[in-house]
């Protein structure tokens, strides 16, 4: 069985945006880019899986900055697949970056959010 883009090292597995008022941004992006949305039950509130028009394919997430997501930066965050999350997080710190959040579980894998030496954020994800 071959690897999909969501599991191939070095590819982008996902992208999402975590903000205080996720409903507002959901509505913004449905109107600006034409995405639909599906509620994702978070136990007391919903985050949103944004879907491409005409296909129903989930292409991004818009999440509330609550609970374990409260510390995530309010920007589009890409999740880059890595082979060994702990090794990549250690290398990040060794090379002048900073681990901002995690590592912690996510679905069938684990992730952490890093800030690179230039100040840009991304997430590292190990399926």
PDB file of N, CA and C in Angstrom:
ATOM      1  N   UNK A   1       0.852  -1.187   0.000  1.00  0.00           N
ATOM      2  CA  UNK A   1       0.000   0.000   0.000  1.00  0.00           C
ATOM      3  C   UNK A   1       0.891   1.241   0.000  1.00  0.00           C
ATOM      4  N   UNK A   2       0.665   2.165  -0.902  1.00  0.00           N
ATOM      5  CA  UNK A   2       1.461   3.379  -1.009  1.00  0.00           C
ATOM      6  C   UNK A   2       1.047   4.427   0.003  1.00  0.00           C
ATOM      7  N   UNK A   3       1.929   5.372   0.213  1.00  0.00           N
ATOM      8  CA  UNK A   3       1.626   6.458   1.122  1.00  0.00           C
ATOM      9  C   UNK A   3       0.800   7.521   0.405  1.00  0.00           C
ATOM     10  N   UNK A   4      -0.109   8.137   1.153  1.00  0.00           N
ATOM     11  CA  UNK A   4      -0.878   9.255   0.622  1.00  0.00           C
ATOM     12  C   UNK A   4      -0.142  10.540   0.948  1.00  0.00           C
ATOM     13  N   UNK A   5      -0.589  11.655   0.383  1.00  0.00           N
ATOM     14  CA  UNK A   5       0.017  12.940   0.705  1.00  0.00           C
ATOM     15  C   UNK A   5      -0.072  13.253   2.192  1.00  0.00           C
ATOM     16  N   UNK A   6      -1.084  12.719   2.868  1.00  0.00           N
ATOM     17  CA  UNK A   6      -1.258  12.979   4.291  1.00  0.00           C
ATOM     18  C   UNK A   6      -0.246  12.231   5.147  1.00  0.00           C
ATOM     19  N   UNK A   7       0.475  11.256   4.575  1.00  0.00           N
ATOM     20  CA  UNK A   7       1.432  10.475   5.367  1.00  0.00           C
ATOM     21  C   UNK A   7       2.846  10.490   4.809  1.00  0.00           C
ATOM     22  N   UNK A   8       3.073  11.059   3.649  1.00  0.00           N
ATOM     23  CA  UNK A   8       4.390  11.066   3.040  1.00  0.00           C
ATOM     24  C   UNK A   8       5.251  12.149   3.680  1.00  0.00           C
ATOM     25  N   UNK A   9       6.416  11.752   4.202  1.00  0.00           N
ATOM     26  CA  UNK A   9       7.324  12.674   4.874  1.00  0.00           C
ATOM     27  C   UNK A   9       7.649  13.842   3.948  1.00  0.00           C
ATOM     28  N   UNK A  10       7.582  15.047   4.511  1.00  0.00           N
ATOM     29  CA  UNK A  10       7.903  16.259   3.779  1.00  0.00           C
ATOM     30  C   UNK A  10       6.735  16.916   3.078  1.00  0.00           C
ATOM     31  N   UNK A  11       5.567  16.296   3.107  1.00  0.00           N
ATOM     32  CA  UNK A  11       4.397  16.880   2.452  1.00  0.00           C
ATOM     33  C   UNK A  11       3.494  17.556   3.484  1.00  0.00           C
ATOM     34  N   UNK A  12       2.542  18.330   2.997  1.00  0.00           N
ATOM     35  CA  UNK A  12       1.582  18.984   3.882  1.00  0.00           C
ATOM     36  C   UNK A  12       0.396  18.055   4.105  1.00  0.00           C
ATOM     37  N   UNK A  13       0.170  17.719   5.362  1.00  0.00           N
ATOM     38  CA  UNK A  13      -0.919  16.811   5.700  1.00  0.00           C
ATOM     39  C   UNK A  13      -2.231  17.558   5.926  1.00  0.00           C
ATOM     40  N   UNK A  14      -2.153  18.807   6.364  1.00  0.00           N
ATOM     41  CA  UNK A  14      -3.364  19.532   6.723  1.00  0.00           C
ATOM     42  C   UNK A  14      -3.018  20.994   6.881  1.00  0.00           C
ATOM     43  N   UNK A  15      -4.048  21.808   6.962  1.00  0.00           N
ATOM     44  CA  UNK A  15      -3.884  23.210   7.273  1.00  0.00           C
ATOM     45  C   UNK A  15      -5.118  23.642   8.048  1.00  0.00           C
ATOM     46  N   UNK A  16      -4.886  24.478   9.069  1.00  0.00           N
ATOM     47  CA  UNK A  16      -6.024  25.007   9.804  1.00  0.00           C
ATOM     48  C   UNK A  16      -5.713  26.366  10.400  1.00  0.00           C
ATOM     49  N   UNK A  17      -6.757  26.987  10.880  1.00  0.00           N
ATOM     50  CA  UNK A  17      -6.702  28.322  11.464  1.00  0.00           C
ATOM     51  C   UNK A  17      -7.398  28.251  12.811  1.00  0.00           C
ATOM     52  N   UNK A  18      -6.721  28.683  13.863  1.00  0.00           N
ATOM     53  CA  UNK A  18      -7.291  28.662  15.204  1.00  0.00           C
ATOM     54  C   UNK A  18      -7.442  30.100  15.688  1.00  0.00           C
ATOM     55  N   UNK A  19      -8.686  30.483  15.990  1.00  0.00           N
ATOM     56  CA  UNK A  19      -9.012  31.873  16.326  1.00  0.00           C
ATOM     57  C   UNK A  19     -10.074  31.917  17.431  1.00  0.00           C
ATOM     58  N   UNK A  20     -10.179  33.050  18.139  1.00  0.00           N
ATOM     59  CA  UNK A  20     -11.189  33.154  19.199  1.00  0.00           C
ATOM     60  C   UNK A  20     -12.629  33.010  18.701  1.00  0.00           C
ATOM     61  N   UNK A  21     -12.940  33.526  17.514  1.00  0.00           N
ATOM     62  CA  UNK A  21     -14.322  33.508  17.014  1.00  0.00           C
ATOM     63  C   UNK A  21     -14.377  32.732  15.706  1.00  0.00           C
ATOM     64  N   UNK A  22     -14.318  31.414  15.808  1.00  0.00           N
ATOM     65  CA  UNK A  22     -14.233  30.558  14.619  1.00  0.00           C
ATOM     66  C   UNK A  22     -15.452  30.706  13.705  1.00  0.00           C
ATOM     67  N   UNK A  23     -16.627  30.949  14.262  1.00  0.00           N
ATOM     68  CA  UNK A  23     -17.825  31.087  13.421  1.00  0.00           C
ATOM     69  C   UNK A  23     -17.667  32.237  12.434  1.00  0.00           C
ATOM     70  N   UNK A  24     -17.109  33.348  12.900  1.00  0.00           N
ATOM     71  CA  UNK A  24     -16.924  34.515  12.029  1.00  0.00           C
ATOM     72  C   UNK A  24     -16.005  34.183  10.860  1.00  0.00           C
ATOM     73  N   UNK A  25     -14.901  33.480  11.152  1.00  0.00           N
ATOM     74  CA  UNK A  25     -13.959  33.134  10.091  1.00  0.00           C
ATOM     75  C   UNK A  25     -14.523  32.056   9.182  1.00  0.00           C
ATOM     76  N   UNK A  26     -15.296  31.124   9.741  1.00  0.00           N
ATOM     77  CA  UNK A  26     -15.978  30.132   8.896  1.00  0.00           C
ATOM     78  C   UNK A  26     -16.848  30.853   7.878  1.00  0.00           C
ATOM     79  N   UNK A  27     -17.660  31.794   8.361  1.00  0.00           N
ATOM     80  CA  UNK A  27     -18.558  32.534   7.477  1.00  0.00           C
ATOM     81  C   UNK A  27     -17.775  33.374   6.472  1.00  0.00           C
ATOM     82  N   UNK A  28     -16.694  33.986   6.916  1.00  0.00           N
ATOM     83  CA  UNK A  28     -15.839  34.768   6.023  1.00  0.00           C
ATOM     84  C   UNK A  28     -15.350  33.913   4.858  1.00  0.00           C
ATOM     85  N   UNK A  29     -14.763  32.746   5.163  1.00  0.00           N
ATOM     86  CA  UNK A  29     -14.191  31.914   4.106  1.00  0.00           C
ATOM     87  C   UNK A  29     -15.244  31.227   3.248  1.00  0.00           C
ATOM     88  N   UNK A  30     -16.420  30.940   3.797  1.00  0.00           N
ATOM     89  CA  UNK A  30     -17.465  30.376   2.936  1.00  0.00           C
ATOM     90  C   UNK A  30     -17.890  31.405   1.894  1.00  0.00           C
ATOM     91  N   UNK A  31     -17.901  32.674   2.273  1.00  0.00           N
ATOM     92  CA  UNK A  31     -18.301  33.726   1.344  1.00  0.00           C
ATOM     93  C   UNK A  31     -17.182  34.184   0.421  1.00  0.00           C
ATOM     94  N   UNK A  32     -15.946  34.196   0.905  1.00  0.00           N
ATOM     95  CA  UNK A  32     -14.832  34.696   0.099  1.00  0.00           C
ATOM     96  C   UNK A  32     -14.299  33.657  -0.878  1.00  0.00           C
ATOM     97  N   UNK A  33     -14.143  32.394  -0.427  1.00  0.00           N
ATOM     98  CA  UNK A  33     -13.554  31.381  -1.316  1.00  0.00           C
ATOM     99  C   UNK A  33     -14.528  30.297  -1.742  1.00  0.00           C
ATOM    100  N   UNK A  34     -15.745  30.301  -1.175  1.00  0.00           N
ATOM    101  CA  UNK A  34     -16.746  29.349  -1.619  1.00  0.00           C
ATOM    102  C   UNK A  34     -16.746  28.012  -0.893  1.00  0.00           C
ATOM    103  N   UNK A  35     -15.950  27.904   0.179  1.00  0.00           N
ATOM    104  CA  UNK A  35     -15.947  26.652   0.931  1.00  0.00           C
ATOM    105  C   UNK A  35     -17.295  26.413   1.600  1.00  0.00           C
ATOM    106  N   UNK A  36     -17.641  25.141   1.748  1.00  0.00           N
ATOM    107  CA  UNK A  36     -18.717  24.741   2.627  1.00  0.00           C
ATOM    108  C   UNK A  36     -18.096  24.395   3.967  1.00  0.00           C
ATOM    109  N   UNK A  37     -18.926  24.047   4.935  1.00  0.00           N
ATOM    110  CA  UNK A  37     -18.356  23.654   6.227  1.00  0.00           C
ATOM    111  C   UNK A  37     -19.171  22.535   6.853  1.00  0.00           C
ATOM    112  N   UNK A  38     -18.476  21.725   7.606  1.00  0.00           N
ATOM    113  CA  UNK A  38     -19.087  20.651   8.388  1.00  0.00           C
ATOM    114  C   UNK A  38     -18.672  20.853   9.835  1.00  0.00           C
ATOM    115  N   UNK A  39     -19.629  20.717  10.740  1.00  0.00           N
ATOM    116  CA  UNK A  39     -19.308  20.831  12.157  1.00  0.00           C
ATOM    117  C   UNK A  39     -18.477  19.635  12.606  1.00  0.00           C
ATOM    118  N   UNK A  40     -17.512  19.905  13.466  1.00  0.00           N
ATOM    119  CA  UNK A  40     -16.699  18.865  14.096  1.00  0.00           C
ATOM    120  C   UNK A  40     -16.923  19.003  15.598  1.00  0.00           C
ATOM    121  N   UNK A  41     -17.597  18.027  16.199  1.00  0.00           N
ATOM    122  CA  UNK A  41     -17.946  18.079  17.619  1.00  0.00           C
ATOM    123  C   UNK A  41     -16.689  18.049  18.475  1.00  0.00           C
ATOM    124  N   UNK A  42     -16.543  19.069  19.304  1.00  0.00           N
ATOM    125  CA  UNK A  42     -15.390  19.166  20.190  1.00  0.00           C
ATOM    126  C   UNK A  42     -15.806  18.995  21.650  1.00  0.00           C
ATOM    127  N   UNK A  43     -17.005  18.448  21.886  1.00  0.00           N
ATOM    128  CA  UNK A  43     -17.482  18.246  23.248  1.00  0.00           C
ATOM    129  C   UNK A  43     -17.930  19.550  23.888  1.00  0.00           C
ATOM    130  N   UNK A  44     -19.057  20.060  23.480  1.00  0.00           N
ATOM    131  CA  UNK A  44     -19.588  21.300  24.027  1.00  0.00           C
ATOM    132  C   UNK A  44     -19.568  22.457  23.039  1.00  0.00           C
ATOM    133  N   UNK A  45     -18.850  22.325  21.975  1.00  0.00           N
ATOM    134  CA  UNK A  45     -18.828  23.308  20.904  1.00  0.00           C
ATOM    135  C   UNK A  45     -18.341  22.611  19.638  1.00  0.00           C
ATOM    136  N   UNK A  46     -18.433  23.310  18.513  1.00  0.00           N
ATOM    137  CA  UNK A  46     -17.991  22.729  17.251  1.00  0.00           C
ATOM    138  C   UNK A  46     -16.883  23.564  16.624  1.00  0.00           C
ATOM    139  N   UNK A  47     -15.866  22.878  16.105  1.00  0.00           N
ATOM    140  CA  UNK A  47     -14.926  23.469  15.174  1.00  0.00           C
ATOM    141  C   UNK A  47     -15.454  23.129  13.786  1.00  0.00           C
ATOM    142  N   UNK A  48     -14.747  23.536  12.729  1.00  0.00           N
ATOM    143  CA  UNK A  48     -15.298  23.392  11.397  1.00  0.00           C
ATOM    144  C   UNK A  48     -14.297  22.792  10.424  1.00  0.00           C
ATOM    145  N   UNK A  49     -14.744  21.799   9.701  1.00  0.00           N
ATOM    146  CA  UNK A  49     -13.983  21.237   8.597  1.00  0.00           C
ATOM    147  C   UNK A  49     -14.487  21.939   7.341  1.00  0.00           C
ATOM    148  N   UNK A  50     -13.583  22.616   6.660  1.00  0.00           N
ATOM    149  CA  UNK A  50     -13.960  23.377   5.469  1.00  0.00           C
ATOM    150  C   UNK A  50     -13.817  22.469   4.249  1.00  0.00           C
ATOM    151  N   UNK A  51     -14.840  22.472   3.402  1.00  0.00           N
ATOM    152  CA  UNK A  51     -14.872  21.553   2.270  1.00  0.00           C
ATOM    153  C   UNK A  51     -14.914  22.314   0.947  1.00  0.00           C
ATOM    154  N   UNK A  52     -14.233  21.739  -0.046  1.00  0.00           N
ATOM    155  CA  UNK A  52     -14.172  22.343  -1.374  1.00  0.00           C
ATOM    156  C   UNK A  52     -15.546  22.273  -2.035  1.00  0.00           C
ATOM    157  N   UNK A  53     -15.921  23.336  -2.744  1.00  0.00           N
ATOM    158  CA  UNK A  53     -17.218  23.327  -3.419  1.00  0.00           C
ATOM    159  C   UNK A  53     -17.281  22.244  -4.495  1.00  0.00           C
ATOM    160  N   UNK A  54     -18.416  21.558  -4.536  1.00  0.00           N
ATOM    161  CA  UNK A  54     -18.644  20.563  -5.569  1.00  0.00           C
ATOM    162  C   UNK A  54     -18.044  19.201  -5.300  1.00  0.00           C
ATOM    163  N   UNK A  55     -17.065  19.107  -4.390  1.00  0.00           N
ATOM    164  CA  UNK A  55     -16.420  17.818  -4.145  1.00  0.00           C
ATOM    165  C   UNK A  55     -16.704  17.268  -2.759  1.00  0.00           C
ATOM    166  N   UNK A  56     -16.946  18.146  -1.805  1.00  0.00           N
ATOM    167  CA  UNK A  56     -17.117  17.708  -0.429  1.00  0.00           C
ATOM    168  C   UNK A  56     -15.809  17.307   0.234  1.00  0.00           C
ATOM    169  N   UNK A  57     -14.681  17.534  -0.460  1.00  0.00           N
ATOM    170  CA  UNK A  57     -13.376  17.166   0.077  1.00  0.00           C
ATOM    171  C   UNK A  57     -12.962  18.149   1.163  1.00  0.00           C
ATOM    172  N   UNK A  58     -12.615  17.623   2.350  1.00  0.00           N
ATOM    173  CA  UNK A  58     -12.120  18.461   3.439  1.00  0.00           C
ATOM    174  C   UNK A  58     -10.751  19.013   3.054  1.00  0.00           C
ATOM    175  N   UNK A  59     -10.618  20.344   3.085  1.00  0.00           N
ATOM    176  CA  UNK A  59      -9.378  20.979   2.646  1.00  0.00           C
ATOM    177  C   UNK A  59      -8.698  21.788   3.744  1.00  0.00           C
ATOM    178  N   UNK A  60      -9.417  22.104   4.816  1.00  0.00           N
ATOM    179  CA  UNK A  60      -8.843  22.917   5.884  1.00  0.00           C
ATOM    180  C   UNK A  60      -9.753  22.849   7.102  1.00  0.00           C
ATOM    181  N   UNK A  61      -9.237  23.337   8.206  1.00  0.00           N
ATOM    182  CA  UNK A  61     -10.032  23.430   9.417  1.00  0.00           C
ATOM    183  C   UNK A  61     -10.024  24.848   9.947  1.00  0.00           C
ATOM    184  N   UNK A  62     -11.123  25.232  10.562  1.00  0.00           N
ATOM    185  CA  UNK A  62     -11.185  26.495  11.297  1.00  0.00           C
ATOM    186  C   UNK A  62     -11.634  26.126  12.702  1.00  0.00           C
ATOM    187  N   UNK A  63     -10.785  26.475  13.664  1.00  0.00           N
ATOM    188  CA  UNK A  63     -10.938  25.990  15.035  1.00  0.00           C
ATOM    189  C   UNK A  63     -11.035  27.137  16.023  1.00  0.00           C
ATOM    190  N   UNK A  64     -11.718  26.863  17.132  1.00  0.00           N
ATOM    191  CA  UNK A  64     -11.779  27.815  18.234  1.00  0.00           C
ATOM    192  C   UNK A  64     -10.487  27.746  19.044  1.00  0.00           C
ATOM    193  N   UNK A  65     -10.024  28.871  19.508  1.00  0.00           N
ATOM    194  CA  UNK A  65      -8.856  28.934  20.393  1.00  0.00           C
ATOM    195  C   UNK A  65      -9.331  28.657  21.817  1.00  0.00           C
ATOM    196  N   UNK A  66      -9.635  27.389  22.066  1.00  0.00           N
ATOM    197  CA  UNK A  66     -10.142  26.948  23.372  1.00  0.00           C
ATOM    198  C   UNK A  66      -9.409  25.687  23.798  1.00  0.00           C
ATOM    199  N   UNK A  67      -9.476  25.390  25.073  1.00  0.00           N
ATOM    200  CA  UNK A  67      -8.911  24.146  25.586  1.00  0.00           C
ATOM    201  C   UNK A  67      -7.456  23.975  25.175  1.00  0.00           C
ATOM    202  N   UNK A  68      -7.148  22.807  24.628  1.00  0.00           N
ATOM    203  CA  UNK A  68      -5.764  22.520  24.248  1.00  0.00           C
ATOM    204  C   UNK A  68      -5.291  23.386  23.084  1.00  0.00           C
ATOM    205  N   UNK A  69      -6.218  24.019  22.357  1.00  0.00           N
ATOM    206  CA  UNK A  69      -5.849  24.888  21.240  1.00  0.00           C
ATOM    207  C   UNK A  69      -5.706  26.358  21.629  1.00  0.00           C
ATOM    208  N   UNK A  70      -5.876  26.683  22.895  1.00  0.00           N
ATOM    209  CA  UNK A  70      -5.842  28.084  23.324  1.00  0.00           C
ATOM    210  C   UNK A  70      -4.499  28.750  23.058  1.00  0.00           C
ATOM    211  N   UNK A  71      -3.412  27.994  23.031  1.00  0.00           N
ATOM    212  CA  UNK A  71      -2.089  28.599  22.864  1.00  0.00           C
ATOM    213  C   UNK A  71      -1.624  28.660  21.414  1.00  0.00           C
ATOM    214  N   UNK A  72      -2.429  28.170  20.473  1.00  0.00           N
ATOM    215  CA  UNK A  72      -2.009  28.184  19.076  1.00  0.00           C
ATOM    216  C   UNK A  72      -2.113  29.584  18.493  1.00  0.00           C
ATOM    217  N   UNK A  73      -1.170  29.960  17.624  1.00  0.00           N
ATOM    218  CA  UNK A  73      -1.197  31.308  17.054  1.00  0.00           C
ATOM    219  C   UNK A  73      -2.366  31.481  16.087  1.00  0.00           C
ATOM    220  N   UNK A  74      -2.958  32.698  16.014  1.00  0.00           N
ATOM    221  CA  UNK A  74      -4.093  32.944  15.127  1.00  0.00           C
ATOM    222  C   UNK A  74      -3.635  33.209  13.690  1.00  0.00           C
ATOM    223  N   UNK A  75      -3.189  32.157  13.043  1.00  0.00           N
ATOM    224  CA  UNK A  75      -2.741  32.258  11.656  1.00  0.00           C
ATOM    225  C   UNK A  75      -2.973  30.915  10.995  1.00  0.00           C
ATOM    226  N   UNK A  76      -2.957  30.896   9.659  1.00  0.00           N
ATOM    227  CA  UNK A  76      -3.057  29.627   8.954  1.00  0.00           C
ATOM    228  C   UNK A  76      -1.827  28.815   9.311  1.00  0.00           C
ATOM    229  N   UNK A  77      -2.048  27.607   9.764  1.00  0.00           N
ATOM    230  CA  UNK A  77      -0.978  26.733  10.222  1.00  0.00           C
ATOM    231  C   UNK A  77      -0.930  25.507   9.320  1.00  0.00           C
ATOM    232  N   UNK A  78       0.223  25.278   8.694  1.00  0.00           N
ATOM    233  CA  UNK A  78       0.368  24.078   7.870  1.00  0.00           C
ATOM    234  C   UNK A  78       1.028  22.995   8.708  1.00  0.00           C
ATOM    235  N   UNK A  79       0.621  21.754   8.455  1.00  0.00           N
ATOM    236  CA  UNK A  79       1.137  20.592   9.171  1.00  0.00           C
ATOM    237  C   UNK A  79       2.031  19.802   8.217  1.00  0.00           C
ATOM    238  N   UNK A  80       3.332  19.790   8.499  1.00  0.00           N
ATOM    239  CA  UNK A  80       4.305  19.113   7.651  1.00  0.00           C
ATOM    240  C   UNK A  80       4.585  17.735   8.247  1.00  0.00           C
ATOM    241  N   UNK A  81       4.471  16.695   7.428  1.00  0.00           N
ATOM    242  CA  UNK A  81       4.706  15.327   7.889  1.00  0.00           C
ATOM    243  C   UNK A  81       6.208  15.118   8.108  1.00  0.00           C
ATOM    244  N   UNK A  82       6.550  14.593   9.288  1.00  0.00           N
ATOM    245  CA  UNK A  82       7.935  14.241   9.609  1.00  0.00           C
ATOM    246  C   UNK A  82       7.991  12.767   9.996  1.00  0.00           C
ATOM    247  N   UNK A  83       9.173  12.192   9.870  1.00  0.00           N
ATOM    248  CA  UNK A  83       9.348  10.774  10.193  1.00  0.00           C
ATOM    249  C   UNK A  83       9.381  10.531  11.695  1.00  0.00           C
ATOM    250  N   UNK A  84      10.058  11.427  12.442  1.00  0.00           N
ATOM    251  CA  UNK A  84      10.248  11.257  13.881  1.00  0.00           C
ATOM    252  C   UNK A  84      10.022  12.609  14.553  1.00  0.00           C
ATOM    253  N   UNK A  85       8.864  12.787  15.140  1.00  0.00           N
ATOM    254  CA  UNK A  85       8.476  14.069  15.710  1.00  0.00           C
ATOM    255  C   UNK A  85       9.436  14.527  16.806  1.00  0.00           C
ATOM    256  N   UNK A  86       9.816  13.631  17.684  1.00  0.00           N
ATOM    257  CA  UNK A  86      10.704  14.019  18.778  1.00  0.00           C
ATOM    258  C   UNK A  86      12.055  14.489  18.241  1.00  0.00           C
ATOM    259  N   UNK A  87      12.584  13.786  17.254  1.00  0.00           N
ATOM    260  CA  UNK A  87      13.850  14.179  16.639  1.00  0.00           C
ATOM    261  C   UNK A  87      13.722  15.549  15.968  1.00  0.00           C
ATOM    262  N   UNK A  88      12.640  15.761  15.209  1.00  0.00           N
ATOM    263  CA  UNK A  88      12.441  17.030  14.512  1.00  0.00           C
ATOM    264  C   UNK A  88      12.262  18.183  15.491  1.00  0.00           C
ATOM    265  N   UNK A  89      11.538  17.965  16.582  1.00  0.00           N
ATOM    266  CA  UNK A  89      11.352  19.011  17.595  1.00  0.00           C
ATOM    267  C   UNK A  89      12.688  19.364  18.245  1.00  0.00           C
ATOM    268  N   UNK A  90      13.495  18.362  18.540  1.00  0.00           N
ATOM    269  CA  UNK A  90      14.814  18.610  19.135  1.00  0.00           C
ATOM    270  C   UNK A  90      15.707  19.374  18.155  1.00  0.00           C
ATOM    271  N   UNK A  91      15.683  18.992  16.882  1.00  0.00           N
ATOM    272  CA  UNK A  91      16.474  19.693  15.860  1.00  0.00           C
ATOM    273  C   UNK A  91      16.028  21.143  15.724  1.00  0.00           C
ATOM    274  N   UNK A  92      14.725  21.383  15.805  1.00  0.00           N
ATOM    275  CA  UNK A  92      14.191  22.737  15.733  1.00  0.00           C
ATOM    276  C   UNK A  92      14.852  23.605  16.801  1.00  0.00           C
ATOM    277  N   UNK A  93      14.832  23.139  18.046  1.00  0.00           N
ATOM    278  CA  UNK A  93      15.413  23.912  19.145  1.00  0.00           C
ATOM    279  C   UNK A  93      16.927  24.056  18.973  1.00  0.00           C
ATOM    280  N   UNK A  94      17.572  22.988  18.552  1.00  0.00           N
ATOM    281  CA  UNK A  94      19.026  23.007  18.353  1.00  0.00           C
ATOM    282  C   UNK A  94      19.448  24.030  17.298  1.00  0.00           C
ATOM    283  N   UNK A  95      18.607  24.242  16.282  1.00  0.00           N
ATOM    284  CA  UNK A  95      18.957  25.111  15.165  1.00  0.00           C
ATOM    285  C   UNK A  95      18.378  26.530  15.290  1.00  0.00           C
ATOM    286  N   UNK A  96      17.948  26.897  16.503  1.00  0.00           N
ATOM    287  CA  UNK A  96      17.515  28.267  16.733  1.00  0.00           C
ATOM    288  C   UNK A  96      16.029  28.510  16.661  1.00  0.00           C
ATOM    289  N   UNK A  97      15.251  27.456  16.478  1.00  0.00           N
ATOM    290  CA  UNK A  97      13.798  27.589  16.498  1.00  0.00           C
ATOM    291  C   UNK A  97      13.282  27.371  17.904  1.00  0.00           C
ATOM    292  N   UNK A  98      11.962  27.302  18.023  1.00  0.00           N
ATOM    293  CA  UNK A  98      11.333  27.130  19.330  1.00  0.00           C
ATOM    294  C   UNK A  98      10.097  26.244  19.181  1.00  0.00           C
ATOM    295  N   UNK A  99       9.943  25.287  20.075  1.00  0.00           N
ATOM    296  CA  UNK A  99       8.721  24.484  20.123  1.00  0.00           C
ATOM    297  C   UNK A  99       7.714  25.272  20.960  1.00  0.00           C
ATOM    298  N   UNK A 100       6.615  25.678  20.326  1.00  0.00           N
ATOM    299  CA  UNK A 100       5.609  26.542  20.944  1.00  0.00           C
ATOM    300  C   UNK A 100       4.548  25.733  21.693  1.00  0.00           C
ATOM    301  N   UNK A 101       4.182  24.576  21.144  1.00  0.00           N
ATOM    302  CA  UNK A 101       3.108  23.759  21.721  1.00  0.00           C
ATOM    303  C   UNK A 101       3.383  22.297  21.392  1.00  0.00           C
ATOM    304  N   UNK A 102       3.184  21.415  22.364  1.00  0.00           N
ATOM    305  CA  UNK A 102       3.369  19.990  22.127  1.00  0.00           C
ATOM    306  C   UNK A 102       4.805  19.573  22.375  1.00  0.00           C
ATOM    307  N   UNK A 103       5.115  18.377  21.904  1.00  0.00           N
ATOM    308  CA  UNK A 103       4.307  17.417  21.151  1.00  0.00           C
ATOM    309  C   UNK A 103       3.119  16.887  21.968  1.00  0.00           C
ATOM    310  N   UNK A 104       2.040  16.622  21.215  1.00  0.00           N
ATOM    311  CA  UNK A 104       0.831  16.056  21.816  1.00  0.00           C
ATOM    312  C   UNK A 104       0.056  15.272  20.767  1.00  0.00           C
ATOM    313  N   UNK A 105      -0.907  14.446  21.221  1.00  0.00           N
ATOM    314  CA  UNK A 105      -1.673  13.617  20.282  1.00  0.00           C
ATOM    315  C   UNK A 105      -2.553  14.445  19.356  1.00  0.00           C
ATOM    316  N   UNK A 106      -2.743  13.909  18.137  1.00  0.00           N
ATOM    317  CA  UNK A 106      -3.681  14.480  17.166  1.00  0.00           C
ATOM    318  C   UNK A 106      -4.143  13.342  16.282  1.00  0.00           C
ATOM    319  N   UNK A 107      -5.417  12.970  16.414  1.00  0.00           N
ATOM    320  CA  UNK A 107      -5.950  11.865  15.615  1.00  0.00           C
ATOM    321  C   UNK A 107      -5.144  10.604  15.832  1.00  0.00           C
ATOM    322  N   UNK A 108      -4.658  10.031  14.738  1.00  0.00           N
ATOM    323  CA  UNK A 108      -3.871   8.793  14.802  1.00  0.00           C
ATOM    324  C   UNK A 108      -2.372   9.074  14.918  1.00  0.00           C
ATOM    325  N   UNK A 109      -2.003  10.314  15.219  1.00  0.00           N
ATOM    326  CA  UNK A 109      -0.588  10.659  15.296  1.00  0.00           C
ATOM    327  C   UNK A 109      -0.309  11.637  16.417  1.00  0.00           C
ATOM    328  N   UNK A 110       0.760  12.403  16.232  1.00  0.00           N
ATOM    329  CA  UNK A 110       1.172  13.424  17.188  1.00  0.00           C
ATOM    330  C   UNK A 110       1.668  14.638  16.413  1.00  0.00           C
ATOM    331  N   UNK A 111       1.625  15.807  17.070  1.00  0.00           N
ATOM    332  CA  UNK A 111       2.107  17.026  16.427  1.00  0.00           C
ATOM    333  C   UNK A 111       2.711  17.968  17.450  1.00  0.00           C
ATOM    334  N   UNK A 112       3.435  18.948  16.943  1.00  0.00           N
ATOM    335  CA  UNK A 112       3.870  20.080  17.743  1.00  0.00           C
ATOM    336  C   UNK A 112       3.885  21.298  16.838  1.00  0.00           C
ATOM    337  N   UNK A 113       3.773  22.470  17.445  1.00  0.00           N
ATOM    338  CA  UNK A 113       3.857  23.723  16.716  1.00  0.00           C
ATOM    339  C   UNK A 113       5.222  24.319  16.994  1.00  0.00           C
ATOM    340  N   UNK A 114       5.894  24.743  15.933  1.00  0.00           N
ATOM    341  CA  UNK A 114       7.217  25.335  16.076  1.00  0.00           C
ATOM    342  C   UNK A 114       7.232  26.754  15.511  1.00  0.00           C
ATOM    343  N   UNK A 115       8.199  27.516  15.995  1.00  0.00           N
ATOM    344  CA  UNK A 115       8.496  28.823  15.415  1.00  0.00           C
ATOM    345  C   UNK A 115       9.923  28.730  14.890  1.00  0.00           C
ATOM    346  N   UNK A 116      10.116  29.040  13.618  1.00  0.00           N
ATOM    347  CA  UNK A 116      11.455  28.939  13.033  1.00  0.00           C
ATOM    348  C   UNK A 116      12.296  30.169  13.413  1.00  0.00           C
ATOM    349  N   UNK A 117      13.589  30.169  13.102  1.00  0.00           N
ATOM    350  CA  UNK A 117      14.441  31.294  13.486  1.00  0.00           C
ATOM    351  C   UNK A 117      14.012  32.645  12.903  1.00  0.00           C
ATOM    352  N   UNK A 118      13.226  32.656  11.830  1.00  0.00           N
ATOM    353  CA  UNK A 118      12.736  33.905  11.249  1.00  0.00           C
ATOM    354  C   UNK A 118      11.437  34.376  11.914  1.00  0.00           C
ATOM    355  N   UNK A 119      10.851  33.536  12.783  1.00  0.00           N
ATOM    356  CA  UNK A 119       9.621  33.899  13.479  1.00  0.00           C
ATOM    357  C   UNK A 119       8.352  33.340  12.867  1.00  0.00           C
ATOM    358  N   UNK A 120       8.476  32.523  11.804  1.00  0.00           N
ATOM    359  CA  UNK A 120       7.303  31.922  11.171  1.00  0.00           C
ATOM    360  C   UNK A 120       6.912  30.642  11.905  1.00  0.00           C
ATOM    361  N   UNK A 121       5.615  30.354  11.939  1.00  0.00           N
ATOM    362  CA  UNK A 121       5.087  29.176  12.618  1.00  0.00           C
ATOM    363  C   UNK A 121       4.705  28.098  11.603  1.00  0.00           C
ATOM    364  N   UNK A 122       4.807  26.845  12.014  1.00  0.00           N
ATOM    365  CA  UNK A 122       4.225  25.716  11.313  1.00  0.00           C
ATOM    366  C   UNK A 122       4.089  24.596  12.330  1.00  0.00           C
ATOM    367  N   UNK A 123       3.396  23.540  11.922  1.00  0.00           N
ATOM    368  CA  UNK A 123       3.254  22.372  12.786  1.00  0.00           C
ATOM    369  C   UNK A 123       4.008  21.219  12.142  1.00  0.00           C
ATOM    370  N   UNK A 124       4.581  20.380  12.979  1.00  0.00           N
ATOM    371  CA  UNK A 124       5.202  19.141  12.536  1.00  0.00           C
ATOM    372  C   UNK A 124       4.264  18.023  12.951  1.00  0.00           C
ATOM    373  N   UNK A 125       4.023  17.089  12.052  1.00  0.00           N
ATOM    374  CA  UNK A 125       3.039  16.021  12.308  1.00  0.00           C
ATOM    375  C   UNK A 125       3.655  14.670  11.978  1.00  0.00           C
ATOM    376  N   UNK A 126       3.533  13.741  12.932  1.00  0.00           N
ATOM    377  CA  UNK A 126       3.958  12.360  12.702  1.00  0.00           C
ATOM    378  C   UNK A 126       2.732  11.465  12.767  1.00  0.00           C
ATOM    379  N   UNK A 127       2.348  10.879  11.606  1.00  0.00           N
ATOM    380  CA  UNK A 127       1.177   9.985  11.593  1.00  0.00           C
ATOM    381  C   UNK A 127       1.379   8.773  12.503  1.00  0.00           C
TER     382      UNK A 127
END
